[in-house]
Amino acid sequence: MNKDKFRQNSESLVCDEHQKHRQKAIEKKKKKLKRKRSLRRHLQEKMLKEKIKKEYEDTEIDDEVDSAEKKTAGQTTRENTEDRLYTLQRQNAMSHSEIKALLQR
């Protein structure tokens, strides 16, 4: 009887130790997973910020290029208009005001 009681107590102690060890392992895994998730979230946010920053910079560069192209295109258009105006005047096909009206169309 005494031996059976001792055996039950020792088995319950072993079982309790096993449960404690198991619980610690589960908590450790949870912490590790939580760190992993927070790191992943942090990296995703960082990547998103970099992507937005790069798109913004690309947009600024595109805007600068577009404005530069517009300036040169405007100059080219104006030069072409002046050339056509001069050509028409030289041919004396129309008066100056008629030529300007045609060019504005």
PDB file of N, CA and C in Angstrom:
ATOM      1  N   MET A   1       0.825  -1.180   0.000  1.00  0.00           N
ATOM      2  CA  MET A   1       0.000   0.000   0.000  1.00  0.00           C
ATOM      3  C   MET A   1       0.878   1.257   0.000  1.00  0.00           C
ATOM      4  N   ASN A   2       1.847   1.233   0.833  1.00  0.00           N
ATOM      5  CA  ASN A   2       2.741   2.367   0.941  1.00  0.00           C
ATOM      6  C   ASN A   2       3.537   2.558  -0.357  1.00  0.00           C
ATOM      7  N   LYS A   3       3.931   1.433  -0.960  1.00  0.00           N
ATOM      8  CA  LYS A   3       4.675   1.512  -2.219  1.00  0.00           C
ATOM      9  C   LYS A   3       3.801   2.073  -3.338  1.00  0.00           C
ATOM     10  N   ASP A   4       2.549   1.664  -3.394  1.00  0.00           N
ATOM     11  CA  ASP A   4       1.623   2.167  -4.417  1.00  0.00           C
ATOM     12  C   ASP A   4       1.418   3.676  -4.286  1.00  0.00           C
ATOM     13  N   LYS A   5       1.304   4.134  -3.057  1.00  0.00           N
ATOM     14  CA  LYS A   5       1.115   5.556  -2.824  1.00  0.00           C
ATOM     15  C   LYS A   5       2.366   6.339  -3.275  1.00  0.00           C
ATOM     16  N   PHE A   6       3.543   5.788  -2.941  1.00  0.00           N
ATOM     17  CA  PHE A   6       4.790   6.430  -3.335  1.00  0.00           C
ATOM     18  C   PHE A   6       4.910   6.470  -4.859  1.00  0.00           C
ATOM     19  N   ARG A   7       4.541   5.360  -5.514  1.00  0.00           N
ATOM     20  CA  ARG A   7       4.595   5.280  -6.975  1.00  0.00           C
ATOM     21  C   ARG A   7       3.671   6.322  -7.599  1.00  0.00           C
ATOM     22  N   GLN A   8       2.472   6.465  -7.097  1.00  0.00           N
ATOM     23  CA  GLN A   8       1.525   7.458  -7.620  1.00  0.00           C
ATOM     24  C   GLN A   8       2.070   8.878  -7.444  1.00  0.00           C
ATOM     25  N   ASN A   9       2.632   9.141  -6.280  1.00  0.00           N
ATOM     26  CA  ASN A   9       3.197  10.474  -6.031  1.00  0.00           C
ATOM     27  C   ASN A   9       4.364  10.765  -6.973  1.00  0.00           C
ATOM     28  N   SER A  10       5.247   9.794  -7.154  1.00  0.00           N
ATOM     29  CA  SER A  10       6.397  10.005  -8.034  1.00  0.00           C
ATOM     30  C   SER A  10       5.938  10.159  -9.476  1.00  0.00           C
ATOM     31  N   GLU A  11       4.936   9.384  -9.894  1.00  0.00           N
ATOM     32  CA  GLU A  11       4.410   9.515 -11.268  1.00  0.00           C
ATOM     33  C   GLU A  11       3.758  10.876 -11.468  1.00  0.00           C
ATOM     34  N   SER A  12       3.040  11.333 -10.479  1.00  0.00           N
ATOM     35  CA  SER A  12       2.397  12.644 -10.603  1.00  0.00           C
ATOM     36  C   SER A  12       3.453  13.748 -10.633  1.00  0.00           C
ATOM     37  N   LEU A  13       4.531  13.582  -9.866  1.00  0.00           N
ATOM     38  CA  LEU A  13       5.613  14.565  -9.900  1.00  0.00           C
ATOM     39  C   LEU A  13       6.274  14.598 -11.278  1.00  0.00           C
ATOM     40  N   VAL A  14       6.518  13.426 -11.832  1.00  0.00           N
ATOM     41  CA  VAL A  14       7.112  13.343 -13.168  1.00  0.00           C
ATOM     42  C   VAL A  14       6.161  13.977 -14.181  1.00  0.00           C
ATOM     43  N   CYS A  15       4.907  13.670 -14.039  1.00  0.00           N
ATOM     44  CA  CYS A  15       3.898  14.221 -14.951  1.00  0.00           C
ATOM     45  C   CYS A  15       3.854  15.747 -14.830  1.00  0.00           C
ATOM     46  N   ASP A  16       3.895  16.273 -13.604  1.00  0.00           N
ATOM     47  CA  ASP A  16       3.880  17.718 -13.386  1.00  0.00           C
ATOM     48  C   ASP A  16       5.118  18.375 -14.007  1.00  0.00           C
ATOM     49  N   GLU A  17       6.277  17.764 -13.817  1.00  0.00           N
ATOM     50  CA  GLU A  17       7.509  18.284 -14.408  1.00  0.00           C
ATOM     51  C   GLU A  17       7.417  18.293 -15.936  1.00  0.00           C
ATOM     52  N   HIS A  18       6.885  17.217 -16.448  1.00  0.00           N
ATOM     53  CA  HIS A  18       6.729  17.121 -17.902  1.00  0.00           C
ATOM     54  C   HIS A  18       5.800  18.224 -18.424  1.00  0.00           C
ATOM     55  N   GLN A  19       4.701  18.447 -17.722  1.00  0.00           N
ATOM     56  CA  GLN A  19       3.753  19.491 -18.124  1.00  0.00           C
ATOM     57  C   GLN A  19       4.399  20.879 -18.055  1.00  0.00           C
ATOM     58  N   LYS A  20       5.171  21.129 -16.998  1.00  0.00           N
ATOM     59  CA  LYS A  20       5.841  22.431 -16.869  1.00  0.00           C
ATOM     60  C   LYS A  20       6.817  22.645 -18.022  1.00  0.00           C
ATOM     61  N   HIS A  21       7.597  21.594 -18.293  1.00  0.00           N
ATOM     62  CA  HIS A  21       8.562  21.678 -19.381  1.00  0.00           C
ATOM     63  C   HIS A  21       7.850  21.919 -20.711  1.00  0.00           C
ATOM     64  N   ARG A  22       6.770  21.194 -20.924  1.00  0.00           N
ATOM     65  CA  ARG A  22       5.984  21.330 -22.156  1.00  0.00           C
ATOM     66  C   ARG A  22       5.410  22.743 -22.283  1.00  0.00           C
ATOM     67  N   GLN A  23       4.891  23.268 -21.182  1.00  0.00           N
ATOM     68  CA  GLN A  23       4.303  24.603 -21.184  1.00  0.00           C
ATOM     69  C   GLN A  23       5.361  25.659 -21.509  1.00  0.00           C
ATOM     70  N   LYS A  24       6.570  25.502 -20.936  1.00  0.00           N
ATOM     71  CA  LYS A  24       7.659  26.434 -21.234  1.00  0.00           C
ATOM     72  C   LYS A  24       8.026  26.386 -22.716  1.00  0.00           C
ATOM     73  N   ALA A  25       8.049  25.180 -23.275  1.00  0.00           N
ATOM     74  CA  ALA A  25       8.381  25.032 -24.692  1.00  0.00           C
ATOM     75  C   ALA A  25       7.318  25.713 -25.561  1.00  0.00           C
ATOM     76  N   ILE A  26       6.066  25.566 -25.192  1.00  0.00           N
ATOM     77  CA  ILE A  26       4.972  26.195 -25.947  1.00  0.00           C
ATOM     78  C   ILE A  26       5.094  27.718 -25.866  1.00  0.00           C
ATOM     79  N   GLU A  27       5.367  28.252 -24.678  1.00  0.00           N
ATOM     80  CA  GLU A  27       5.521  29.697 -24.521  1.00  0.00           C
ATOM     81  C   GLU A  27       6.711  30.211 -25.318  1.00  0.00           C
ATOM     82  N   LYS A  28       7.786  29.444 -25.326  1.00  0.00           N
ATOM     83  CA  LYS A  28       8.975  29.827 -26.081  1.00  0.00           C
ATOM     84  C   LYS A  28       8.658  29.898 -27.575  1.00  0.00           C
ATOM     85  N   LYS A  29       7.922  28.901 -28.073  1.00  0.00           N
ATOM     86  CA  LYS A  29       7.531  28.903 -29.488  1.00  0.00           C
ATOM     87  C   LYS A  29       6.633  30.089 -29.807  1.00  0.00           C
ATOM     88  N   LYS A  30       5.714  30.401 -28.900  1.00  0.00           N
ATOM     89  CA  LYS A  30       4.819  31.542 -29.113  1.00  0.00           C
ATOM     90  C   LYS A  30       5.612  32.845 -29.210  1.00  0.00           C
ATOM     91  N   LYS A  31       6.587  33.022 -28.310  1.00  0.00           N
ATOM     92  CA  LYS A  31       7.414  34.231 -28.335  1.00  0.00           C
ATOM     93  C   LYS A  31       8.197  34.328 -29.635  1.00  0.00           C
ATOM     94  N   LYS A  32       8.762  33.185 -30.042  1.00  0.00           N
ATOM     95  CA  LYS A  32       9.543  33.165 -31.274  1.00  0.00           C
ATOM     96  C   LYS A  32       8.671  33.527 -32.472  1.00  0.00           C
ATOM     97  N   LEU A  33       7.480  32.968 -32.516  1.00  0.00           N
ATOM     98  CA  LEU A  33       6.544  33.252 -33.607  1.00  0.00           C
ATOM     99  C   LEU A  33       6.129  34.723 -33.597  1.00  0.00           C
ATOM    100  N   LYS A  34       5.912  35.262 -32.399  1.00  0.00           N
ATOM    101  CA  LYS A  34       5.529  36.666 -32.283  1.00  0.00           C
ATOM    102  C   LYS A  34       6.643  37.571 -32.793  1.00  0.00           C
ATOM    103  N   ARG A  35       7.905  37.264 -32.431  1.00  0.00           N
ATOM    104  CA  ARG A  35       9.043  38.043 -32.924  1.00  0.00           C
ATOM    105  C   ARG A  35       9.137  37.960 -34.440  1.00  0.00           C
ATOM    106  N   LYS A  36       8.935  36.749 -34.948  1.00  0.00           N
ATOM    107  CA  LYS A  36       9.012  36.536 -36.387  1.00  0.00           C
ATOM    108  C   LYS A  36       7.953  37.364 -37.118  1.00  0.00           C
ATOM    109  N   ARG A  37       6.736  37.355 -36.585  1.00  0.00           N
ATOM    110  CA  ARG A  37       5.642  38.122 -37.198  1.00  0.00           C
ATOM    111  C   ARG A  37       5.929  39.622 -37.161  1.00  0.00           C
ATOM    112  N   SER A  38       6.398  40.096 -36.005  1.00  0.00           N
ATOM    113  CA  SER A  38       6.663  41.535 -35.895  1.00  0.00           C
ATOM    114  C   SER A  38       7.805  41.934 -36.823  1.00  0.00           C
ATOM    115  N   LEU A  39       8.810  41.072 -36.946  1.00  0.00           N
ATOM    116  CA  LEU A  39       9.918  41.364 -37.861  1.00  0.00           C
ATOM    117  C   LEU A  39       9.415  41.395 -39.302  1.00  0.00           C
ATOM    118  N   ARG A  40       8.585  40.431 -39.667  1.00  0.00           N
ATOM    119  CA  ARG A  40       8.025  40.383 -41.022  1.00  0.00           C
ATOM    120  C   ARG A  40       7.192  41.632 -41.291  1.00  0.00           C
ATOM    121  N   ARG A  41       6.366  42.013 -40.330  1.00  0.00           N
ATOM    122  CA  ARG A  41       5.524  43.204 -40.483  1.00  0.00           C
ATOM    123  C   ARG A  41       6.401  44.448 -40.638  1.00  0.00           C
ATOM    124  N   HIS A  42       7.455  44.528 -39.822  1.00  0.00           N
ATOM    125  CA  HIS A  42       8.375  45.669 -39.895  1.00  0.00           C
ATOM    126  C   HIS A  42       9.037  45.731 -41.278  1.00  0.00           C
ATOM    127  N   LEU A  43       9.491  44.583 -41.779  1.00  0.00           N
ATOM    128  CA  LEU A  43      10.139  44.553 -43.096  1.00  0.00           C
ATOM    129  C   LEU A  43       9.159  44.917 -44.205  1.00  0.00           C
ATOM    130  N   GLN A  44       7.914  44.445 -44.093  1.00  0.00           N
ATOM    131  CA  GLN A  44       6.908  44.788 -45.104  1.00  0.00           C
ATOM    132  C   GLN A  44       6.639  46.286 -45.110  1.00  0.00           C
ATOM    133  N   GLU A  45       6.536  46.882 -43.933  1.00  0.00           N
ATOM    134  CA  GLU A  45       6.313  48.322 -43.850  1.00  0.00           C
ATOM    135  C   GLU A  45       7.496  49.081 -44.441  1.00  0.00           C
ATOM    136  N   LYS A  46       8.696  48.608 -44.139  1.00  0.00           N
ATOM    137  CA  LYS A  46       9.902  49.251 -44.659  1.00  0.00           C
ATOM    138  C   LYS A  46       9.937  49.172 -46.178  1.00  0.00           C
ATOM    139  N   MET A  47       9.615  47.989 -46.732  1.00  0.00           N
ATOM    140  CA  MET A  47       9.607  47.807 -48.181  1.00  0.00           C
ATOM    141  C   MET A  47       8.549  48.721 -48.816  1.00  0.00           C
ATOM    142  N   LEU A  48       7.389  48.805 -48.192  1.00  0.00           N
ATOM    143  CA  LEU A  48       6.321  49.649 -48.719  1.00  0.00           C
ATOM    144  C   LEU A  48       6.749  51.118 -48.718  1.00  0.00           C
ATOM    145  N   LYS A  49       7.379  51.554 -47.638  1.00  0.00           N
ATOM    146  CA  LYS A  49       7.852  52.940 -47.567  1.00  0.00           C
ATOM    147  C   LYS A  49       8.883  53.219 -48.658  1.00  0.00           C
ATOM    148  N   GLU A  50       9.803  52.274 -48.855  1.00  0.00           N
ATOM    149  CA  GLU A  50      10.819  52.450 -49.896  1.00  0.00           C
ATOM    150  C   GLU A  50      10.180  52.497 -51.278  1.00  0.00           C
ATOM    151  N   LYS A  51       9.180  51.646 -51.484  1.00  0.00           N
ATOM    152  CA  LYS A  51       8.491  51.612 -52.776  1.00  0.00           C
ATOM    153  C   LYS A  51       7.780  52.938 -53.042  1.00  0.00           C
ATOM    154  N   ILE A  52       7.089  53.439 -52.028  1.00  0.00           N
ATOM    155  CA  ILE A  52       6.381  54.719 -52.170  1.00  0.00           C
ATOM    156  C   ILE A  52       7.383  55.848 -52.418  1.00  0.00           C
ATOM    157  N   LYS A  53       8.489  55.825 -51.674  1.00  0.00           N
ATOM    158  CA  LYS A  53       9.511  56.856 -51.846  1.00  0.00           C
ATOM    159  C   LYS A  53      10.085  56.819 -53.256  1.00  0.00           C
ATOM    160  N   LYS A  54      10.357  55.610 -53.752  1.00  0.00           N
ATOM    161  CA  LYS A  54      10.923  55.469 -55.096  1.00  0.00           C
ATOM    162  C   LYS A  54       9.922  55.956 -56.144  1.00  0.00           C
ATOM    163  N   GLU A  55       8.637  55.579 -55.986  1.00  0.00           N
ATOM    164  CA  GLU A  55       7.617  56.039 -56.931  1.00  0.00           C
ATOM    165  C   GLU A  55       7.510  57.560 -56.911  1.00  0.00           C
ATOM    166  N   TYR A  56       7.592  58.150 -55.725  1.00  0.00           N
ATOM    167  CA  TYR A  56       7.526  59.605 -55.607  1.00  0.00           C
ATOM    168  C   TYR A  56       8.705  60.255 -56.323  1.00  0.00           C
ATOM    169  N   GLU A  57       9.909  59.682 -56.102  1.00  0.00           N
ATOM    170  CA  GLU A  57      11.091  60.223 -56.764  1.00  0.00           C
ATOM    171  C   GLU A  57      10.985  60.063 -58.277  1.00  0.00           C
ATOM    172  N   ASP A  58      10.496  58.901 -58.730  1.00  0.00           N
ATOM    173  CA  ASP A  58      10.316  58.675 -60.158  1.00  0.00           C
ATOM    174  C   ASP A  58       9.321  59.671 -60.735  1.00  0.00           C
ATOM    175  N   THR A  59       8.262  59.949 -59.980  1.00  0.00           N
ATOM    176  CA  THR A  59       7.262  60.907 -60.430  1.00  0.00           C
ATOM    177  C   THR A  59       7.879  62.293 -60.553  1.00  0.00           C
ATOM    178  N   GLU A  60       8.695  62.671 -59.560  1.00  0.00           N
ATOM    179  CA  GLU A  60       9.354  63.976 -59.631  1.00  0.00           C
ATOM    180  C   GLU A  60      10.261  64.055 -60.848  1.00  0.00           C
ATOM    181  N   ILE A  61      11.022  62.998 -61.088  1.00  0.00           N
ATOM    182  CA  ILE A  61      11.927  62.980 -62.241  1.00  0.00           C
ATOM    183  C   ILE A  61      11.120  63.059 -63.527  1.00  0.00           C
ATOM    184  N   ASP A  62      10.019  62.272 -63.594  1.00  0.00           N
ATOM    185  CA  ASP A  62       9.170  62.308 -64.785  1.00  0.00           C
ATOM    186  C   ASP A  62       8.585  63.701 -65.000  1.00  0.00           C
ATOM    187  N   ASP A  63       8.172  64.350 -63.898  1.00  0.00           N
ATOM    188  CA  ASP A  63       7.632  65.705 -64.007  1.00  0.00           C
ATOM    189  C   ASP A  63       8.688  66.670 -64.534  1.00  0.00           C
ATOM    190  N   GLU A  64       9.920  66.533 -64.030  1.00  0.00           N
ATOM    191  CA  GLU A  64      10.995  67.402 -64.495  1.00  0.00           C
ATOM    192  C   GLU A  64      11.280  67.158 -65.973  1.00  0.00           C
ATOM    193  N   VAL A  65      11.299  65.892 -66.366  1.00  0.00           N
ATOM    194  CA  VAL A  65      11.550  65.552 -67.769  1.00  0.00           C
ATOM    195  C   VAL A  65      10.412  66.072 -68.642  1.00  0.00           C
ATOM    196  N   ASP A  66       9.164  65.873 -68.177  1.00  0.00           N
ATOM    197  CA  ASP A  66       8.016  66.361 -68.941  1.00  0.00           C
ATOM    198  C   ASP A  66       8.060  67.871 -69.106  1.00  0.00           C
ATOM    199  N   SER A  67       8.389  68.580 -68.012  1.00  0.00           N
ATOM    200  CA  SER A  67       8.426  70.045 -68.112  1.00  0.00           C
ATOM    201  C   SER A  67       9.555  70.474 -69.050  1.00  0.00           C
ATOM    202  N   ALA A  68      10.680  69.778 -68.988  1.00  0.00           N
ATOM    203  CA  ALA A  68      11.791  70.106 -69.900  1.00  0.00           C
ATOM    204  C   ALA A  68      11.397  69.813 -71.347  1.00  0.00           C
ATOM    205  N   GLU A  69      10.702  68.691 -71.551  1.00  0.00           N
ATOM    206  CA  GLU A  69      10.250  68.358 -72.911  1.00  0.00           C
ATOM    207  C   GLU A  69       9.243  69.383 -73.416  1.00  0.00           C
ATOM    208  N   LYS A  70       8.356  69.820 -72.516  1.00  0.00           N
ATOM    209  CA  LYS A  70       7.364  70.811 -72.920  1.00  0.00           C
ATOM    210  C   LYS A  70       8.049  72.113 -73.328  1.00  0.00           C
ATOM    211  N   LYS A  71       9.067  72.484 -72.553  1.00  0.00           N
ATOM    212  CA  LYS A  71       9.787  73.717 -72.889  1.00  0.00           C
ATOM    213  C   LYS A  71      10.444  73.590 -74.252  1.00  0.00           C
ATOM    214  N   THR A  72      11.123  72.487 -74.479  1.00  0.00           N
ATOM    215  CA  THR A  72      11.799  72.315 -75.774  1.00  0.00           C
ATOM    216  C   THR A  72      10.766  72.127 -76.875  1.00  0.00           C
ATOM    217  N   ALA A  73       9.675  71.432 -76.548  1.00  0.00           N
ATOM    218  CA  ALA A  73       8.630  71.242 -77.560  1.00  0.00           C
ATOM    219  C   ALA A  73       7.984  72.577 -77.898  1.00  0.00           C
ATOM    220  N   GLY A  74       7.783  73.397 -76.879  1.00  0.00           N
ATOM    221  CA  GLY A  74       7.226  74.718 -77.112  1.00  0.00           C
ATOM    222  C   GLY A  74       8.135  75.559 -77.980  1.00  0.00           C
ATOM    223  N   GLN A  75       9.425  75.484 -77.732  1.00  0.00           N
ATOM    224  CA  GLN A  75      10.381  76.229 -78.540  1.00  0.00           C
ATOM    225  C   GLN A  75      10.373  75.711 -79.974  1.00  0.00           C
ATOM    226  N   THR A  76      10.336  74.404 -80.117  1.00  0.00           N
ATOM    227  CA  THR A  76      10.334  73.810 -81.454  1.00  0.00           C
ATOM    228  C   THR A  76       9.065  74.193 -82.193  1.00  0.00           C
ATOM    229  N   THR A  77       7.947  74.127 -81.499  1.00  0.00           N
ATOM    230  CA  THR A  77       6.683  74.489 -82.133  1.00  0.00           C
ATOM    231  C   THR A  77       6.698  75.951 -82.554  1.00  0.00           C
ATOM    232  N   ARG A  78       7.210  76.791 -81.676  1.00  0.00           N
ATOM    233  CA  ARG A  78       7.270  78.213 -81.991  1.00  0.00           C
ATOM    234  C   ARG A  78       8.195  78.458 -83.185  1.00  0.00           C
ATOM    235  N   GLU A  79       9.335  77.770 -83.197  1.00  0.00           N
ATOM    236  CA  GLU A  79      10.260  77.925 -84.316  1.00  0.00           C
ATOM    237  C   GLU A  79       9.628  77.435 -85.610  1.00  0.00           C
ATOM    238  N   ASN A  80       8.913  76.303 -85.535  1.00  0.00           N
ATOM    239  CA  ASN A  80       8.236  75.786 -86.725  1.00  0.00           C
ATOM    240  C   ASN A  80       7.164  76.750 -87.195  1.00  0.00           C
ATOM    241  N   THR A  81       6.441  77.341 -86.259  1.00  0.00           N
ATOM    242  CA  THR A  81       5.407  78.308 -86.609  1.00  0.00           C
ATOM    243  C   THR A  81       6.020  79.525 -87.289  1.00  0.00           C
ATOM    244  N   GLU A  82       7.102  80.013 -86.736  1.00  0.00           N
ATOM    245  CA  GLU A  82       7.779  81.173 -87.331  1.00  0.00           C
ATOM    246  C   GLU A  82       8.299  80.834 -88.728  1.00  0.00           C
ATOM    247  N   ASP A  83       8.822  79.624 -88.881  1.00  0.00           N
ATOM    248  CA  ASP A  83       9.312  79.202 -90.199  1.00  0.00           C
ATOM    249  C   ASP A  83       8.172  79.149 -91.205  1.00  0.00           C
ATOM    250  N   ARG A  84       7.044  78.560 -90.774  1.00  0.00           N
ATOM    251  CA  ARG A  84       5.906  78.483 -91.698  1.00  0.00           C
ATOM    252  C   ARG A  84       5.368  79.875 -92.023  1.00  0.00           C
ATOM    253  N   LEU A  85       5.323  80.735 -91.020  1.00  0.00           N
ATOM    254  CA  LEU A  85       4.858  82.099 -91.222  1.00  0.00           C
ATOM    255  C   LEU A  85       5.766  82.821 -92.215  1.00  0.00           C
ATOM    256  N   TYR A  86       7.040  82.684 -92.040  1.00  0.00           N
ATOM    257  CA  TYR A  86       7.999  83.322 -92.932  1.00  0.00           C
ATOM    258  C   TYR A  86       7.855  82.781 -94.352  1.00  0.00           C
ATOM    259  N   THR A  87       7.681  81.461 -94.452  1.00  0.00           N
ATOM    260  CA  THR A  87       7.539  80.847 -95.777  1.00  0.00           C
ATOM    261  C   THR A  87       6.290  81.372 -96.482  1.00  0.00           C
ATOM    262  N   LEU A  88       5.184  81.437 -95.765  1.00  0.00           N
ATOM    263  CA  LEU A  88       3.948  81.925 -96.367  1.00  0.00           C
ATOM    264  C   LEU A  88       4.045  83.405 -96.728  1.00  0.00           C
ATOM    265  N   GLN A  89       4.675  84.169 -95.871  1.00  0.00           N
ATOM    266  CA  GLN A  89       4.821  85.593 -96.185  1.00  0.00           C
ATOM    267  C   GLN A  89       5.707  85.785 -97.410  1.00  0.00           C
ATOM    268  N   ARG A  90       6.720  84.992 -97.468  1.00  0.00           N
ATOM    269  CA  ARG A  90       7.639  85.104 -98.594  1.00  0.00           C
ATOM    270  C   ARG A  90       6.941  84.769 -99.905  1.00  0.00           C
ATOM    271  N   GLN A  91       6.048  83.824 -99.844  1.00  0.00           N
ATOM    272  CA  GLN A  91       5.320  83.454-101.050  1.00  0.00           C
ATOM    273  C   GLN A  91       4.241  84.484-101.380  1.00  0.00           C
ATOM    274  N   ASN A  92       3.945  85.365-100.393  1.00  0.00           N
ATOM    275  CA  ASN A  92       2.897  86.384-100.556  1.00  0.00           C
ATOM    276  C   ASN A  92       1.561  85.770-100.932  1.00  0.00           C
ATOM    277  N   ALA A  93       1.315  84.608-100.382  1.00  0.00           N
ATOM    278  CA  ALA A  93       0.055  83.949-100.680  1.00  0.00           C
ATOM    279  C   ALA A  93      -1.084  84.598 -99.905  1.00  0.00           C
ATOM    280  N   MET A  94      -0.807  85.064 -98.676  1.00  0.00           N
ATOM    281  CA  MET A  94      -1.866  85.639 -97.854  1.00  0.00           C
ATOM    282  C   MET A  94      -1.295  86.797 -97.039  1.00  0.00           C
ATOM    283  N   SER A  95      -2.174  87.527 -96.432  1.00  0.00           N
ATOM    284  CA  SER A  95      -1.732  88.618 -95.567  1.00  0.00           C
ATOM    285  C   SER A  95      -1.283  88.042 -94.216  1.00  0.00           C
ATOM    286  N   HIS A  96      -0.630  88.870 -93.478  1.00  0.00           N
ATOM    287  CA  HIS A  96      -0.074  88.440 -92.198  1.00  0.00           C
ATOM    288  C   HIS A  96      -1.165  87.951 -91.237  1.00  0.00           C
ATOM    289  N   SER A  97      -2.283  88.668 -91.114  1.00  0.00           N
ATOM    290  CA  SER A  97      -3.369  88.291 -90.202  1.00  0.00           C
ATOM    291  C   SER A  97      -4.029  86.980 -90.639  1.00  0.00           C
ATOM    292  N   GLU A  98      -4.187  86.768 -91.960  1.00  0.00           N
ATOM    293  CA  GLU A  98      -4.764  85.511 -92.447  1.00  0.00           C
ATOM    294  C   GLU A  98      -3.856  84.329 -92.106  1.00  0.00           C
ATOM    295  N   ILE A  99      -2.560  84.559 -92.213  1.00  0.00           N
ATOM    296  CA  ILE A  99      -1.595  83.494 -91.903  1.00  0.00           C
ATOM    297  C   ILE A  99      -1.657  83.144 -90.414  1.00  0.00           C
ATOM    298  N   LYS A 100      -1.720  84.157 -89.556  1.00  0.00           N
ATOM    299  CA  LYS A 100      -1.803  83.907 -88.114  1.00  0.00           C
ATOM    300  C   LYS A 100      -3.089  83.162 -87.782  1.00  0.00           C
ATOM    301  N   ALA A 101      -4.195  83.513 -88.422  1.00  0.00           N
ATOM    302  CA  ALA A 101      -5.463  82.836 -88.183  1.00  0.00           C
ATOM    303  C   ALA A 101      -5.359  81.365 -88.570  1.00  0.00           C
ATOM    304  N   LEU A 102      -4.687  81.098 -89.676  1.00  0.00           N
ATOM    305  CA  LEU A 102      -4.486  79.712 -90.099  1.00  0.00           C
ATOM    306  C   LEU A 102      -3.616  78.937 -89.104  1.00  0.00           C
ATOM    307  N   LEU A 103      -2.576  79.580 -88.635  1.00  0.00           N
ATOM    308  CA  LEU A 103      -1.655  78.906 -87.718  1.00  0.00           C
ATOM    309  C   LEU A 103      -2.284  78.633 -86.358  1.00  0.00           C
ATOM    310  N   GLN A 104      -3.255  79.426 -85.964  1.00  0.00           N
ATOM    311  CA  GLN A 104      -3.898  79.239 -84.667  1.00  0.00           C
ATOM    312  C   GLN A 104      -4.884  78.083 -84.667  1.00  0.00           C
ATOM    313  N   ARG A 105      -5.276  77.614 -85.819  1.00  0.00           N
ATOM    314  CA  ARG A 105      -6.237  76.503 -85.900  1.00  0.00           C
ATOM    315  C   ARG A 105      -5.670  75.234 -85.390  1.00  0.00           C
TER     316      ARG A 105
END
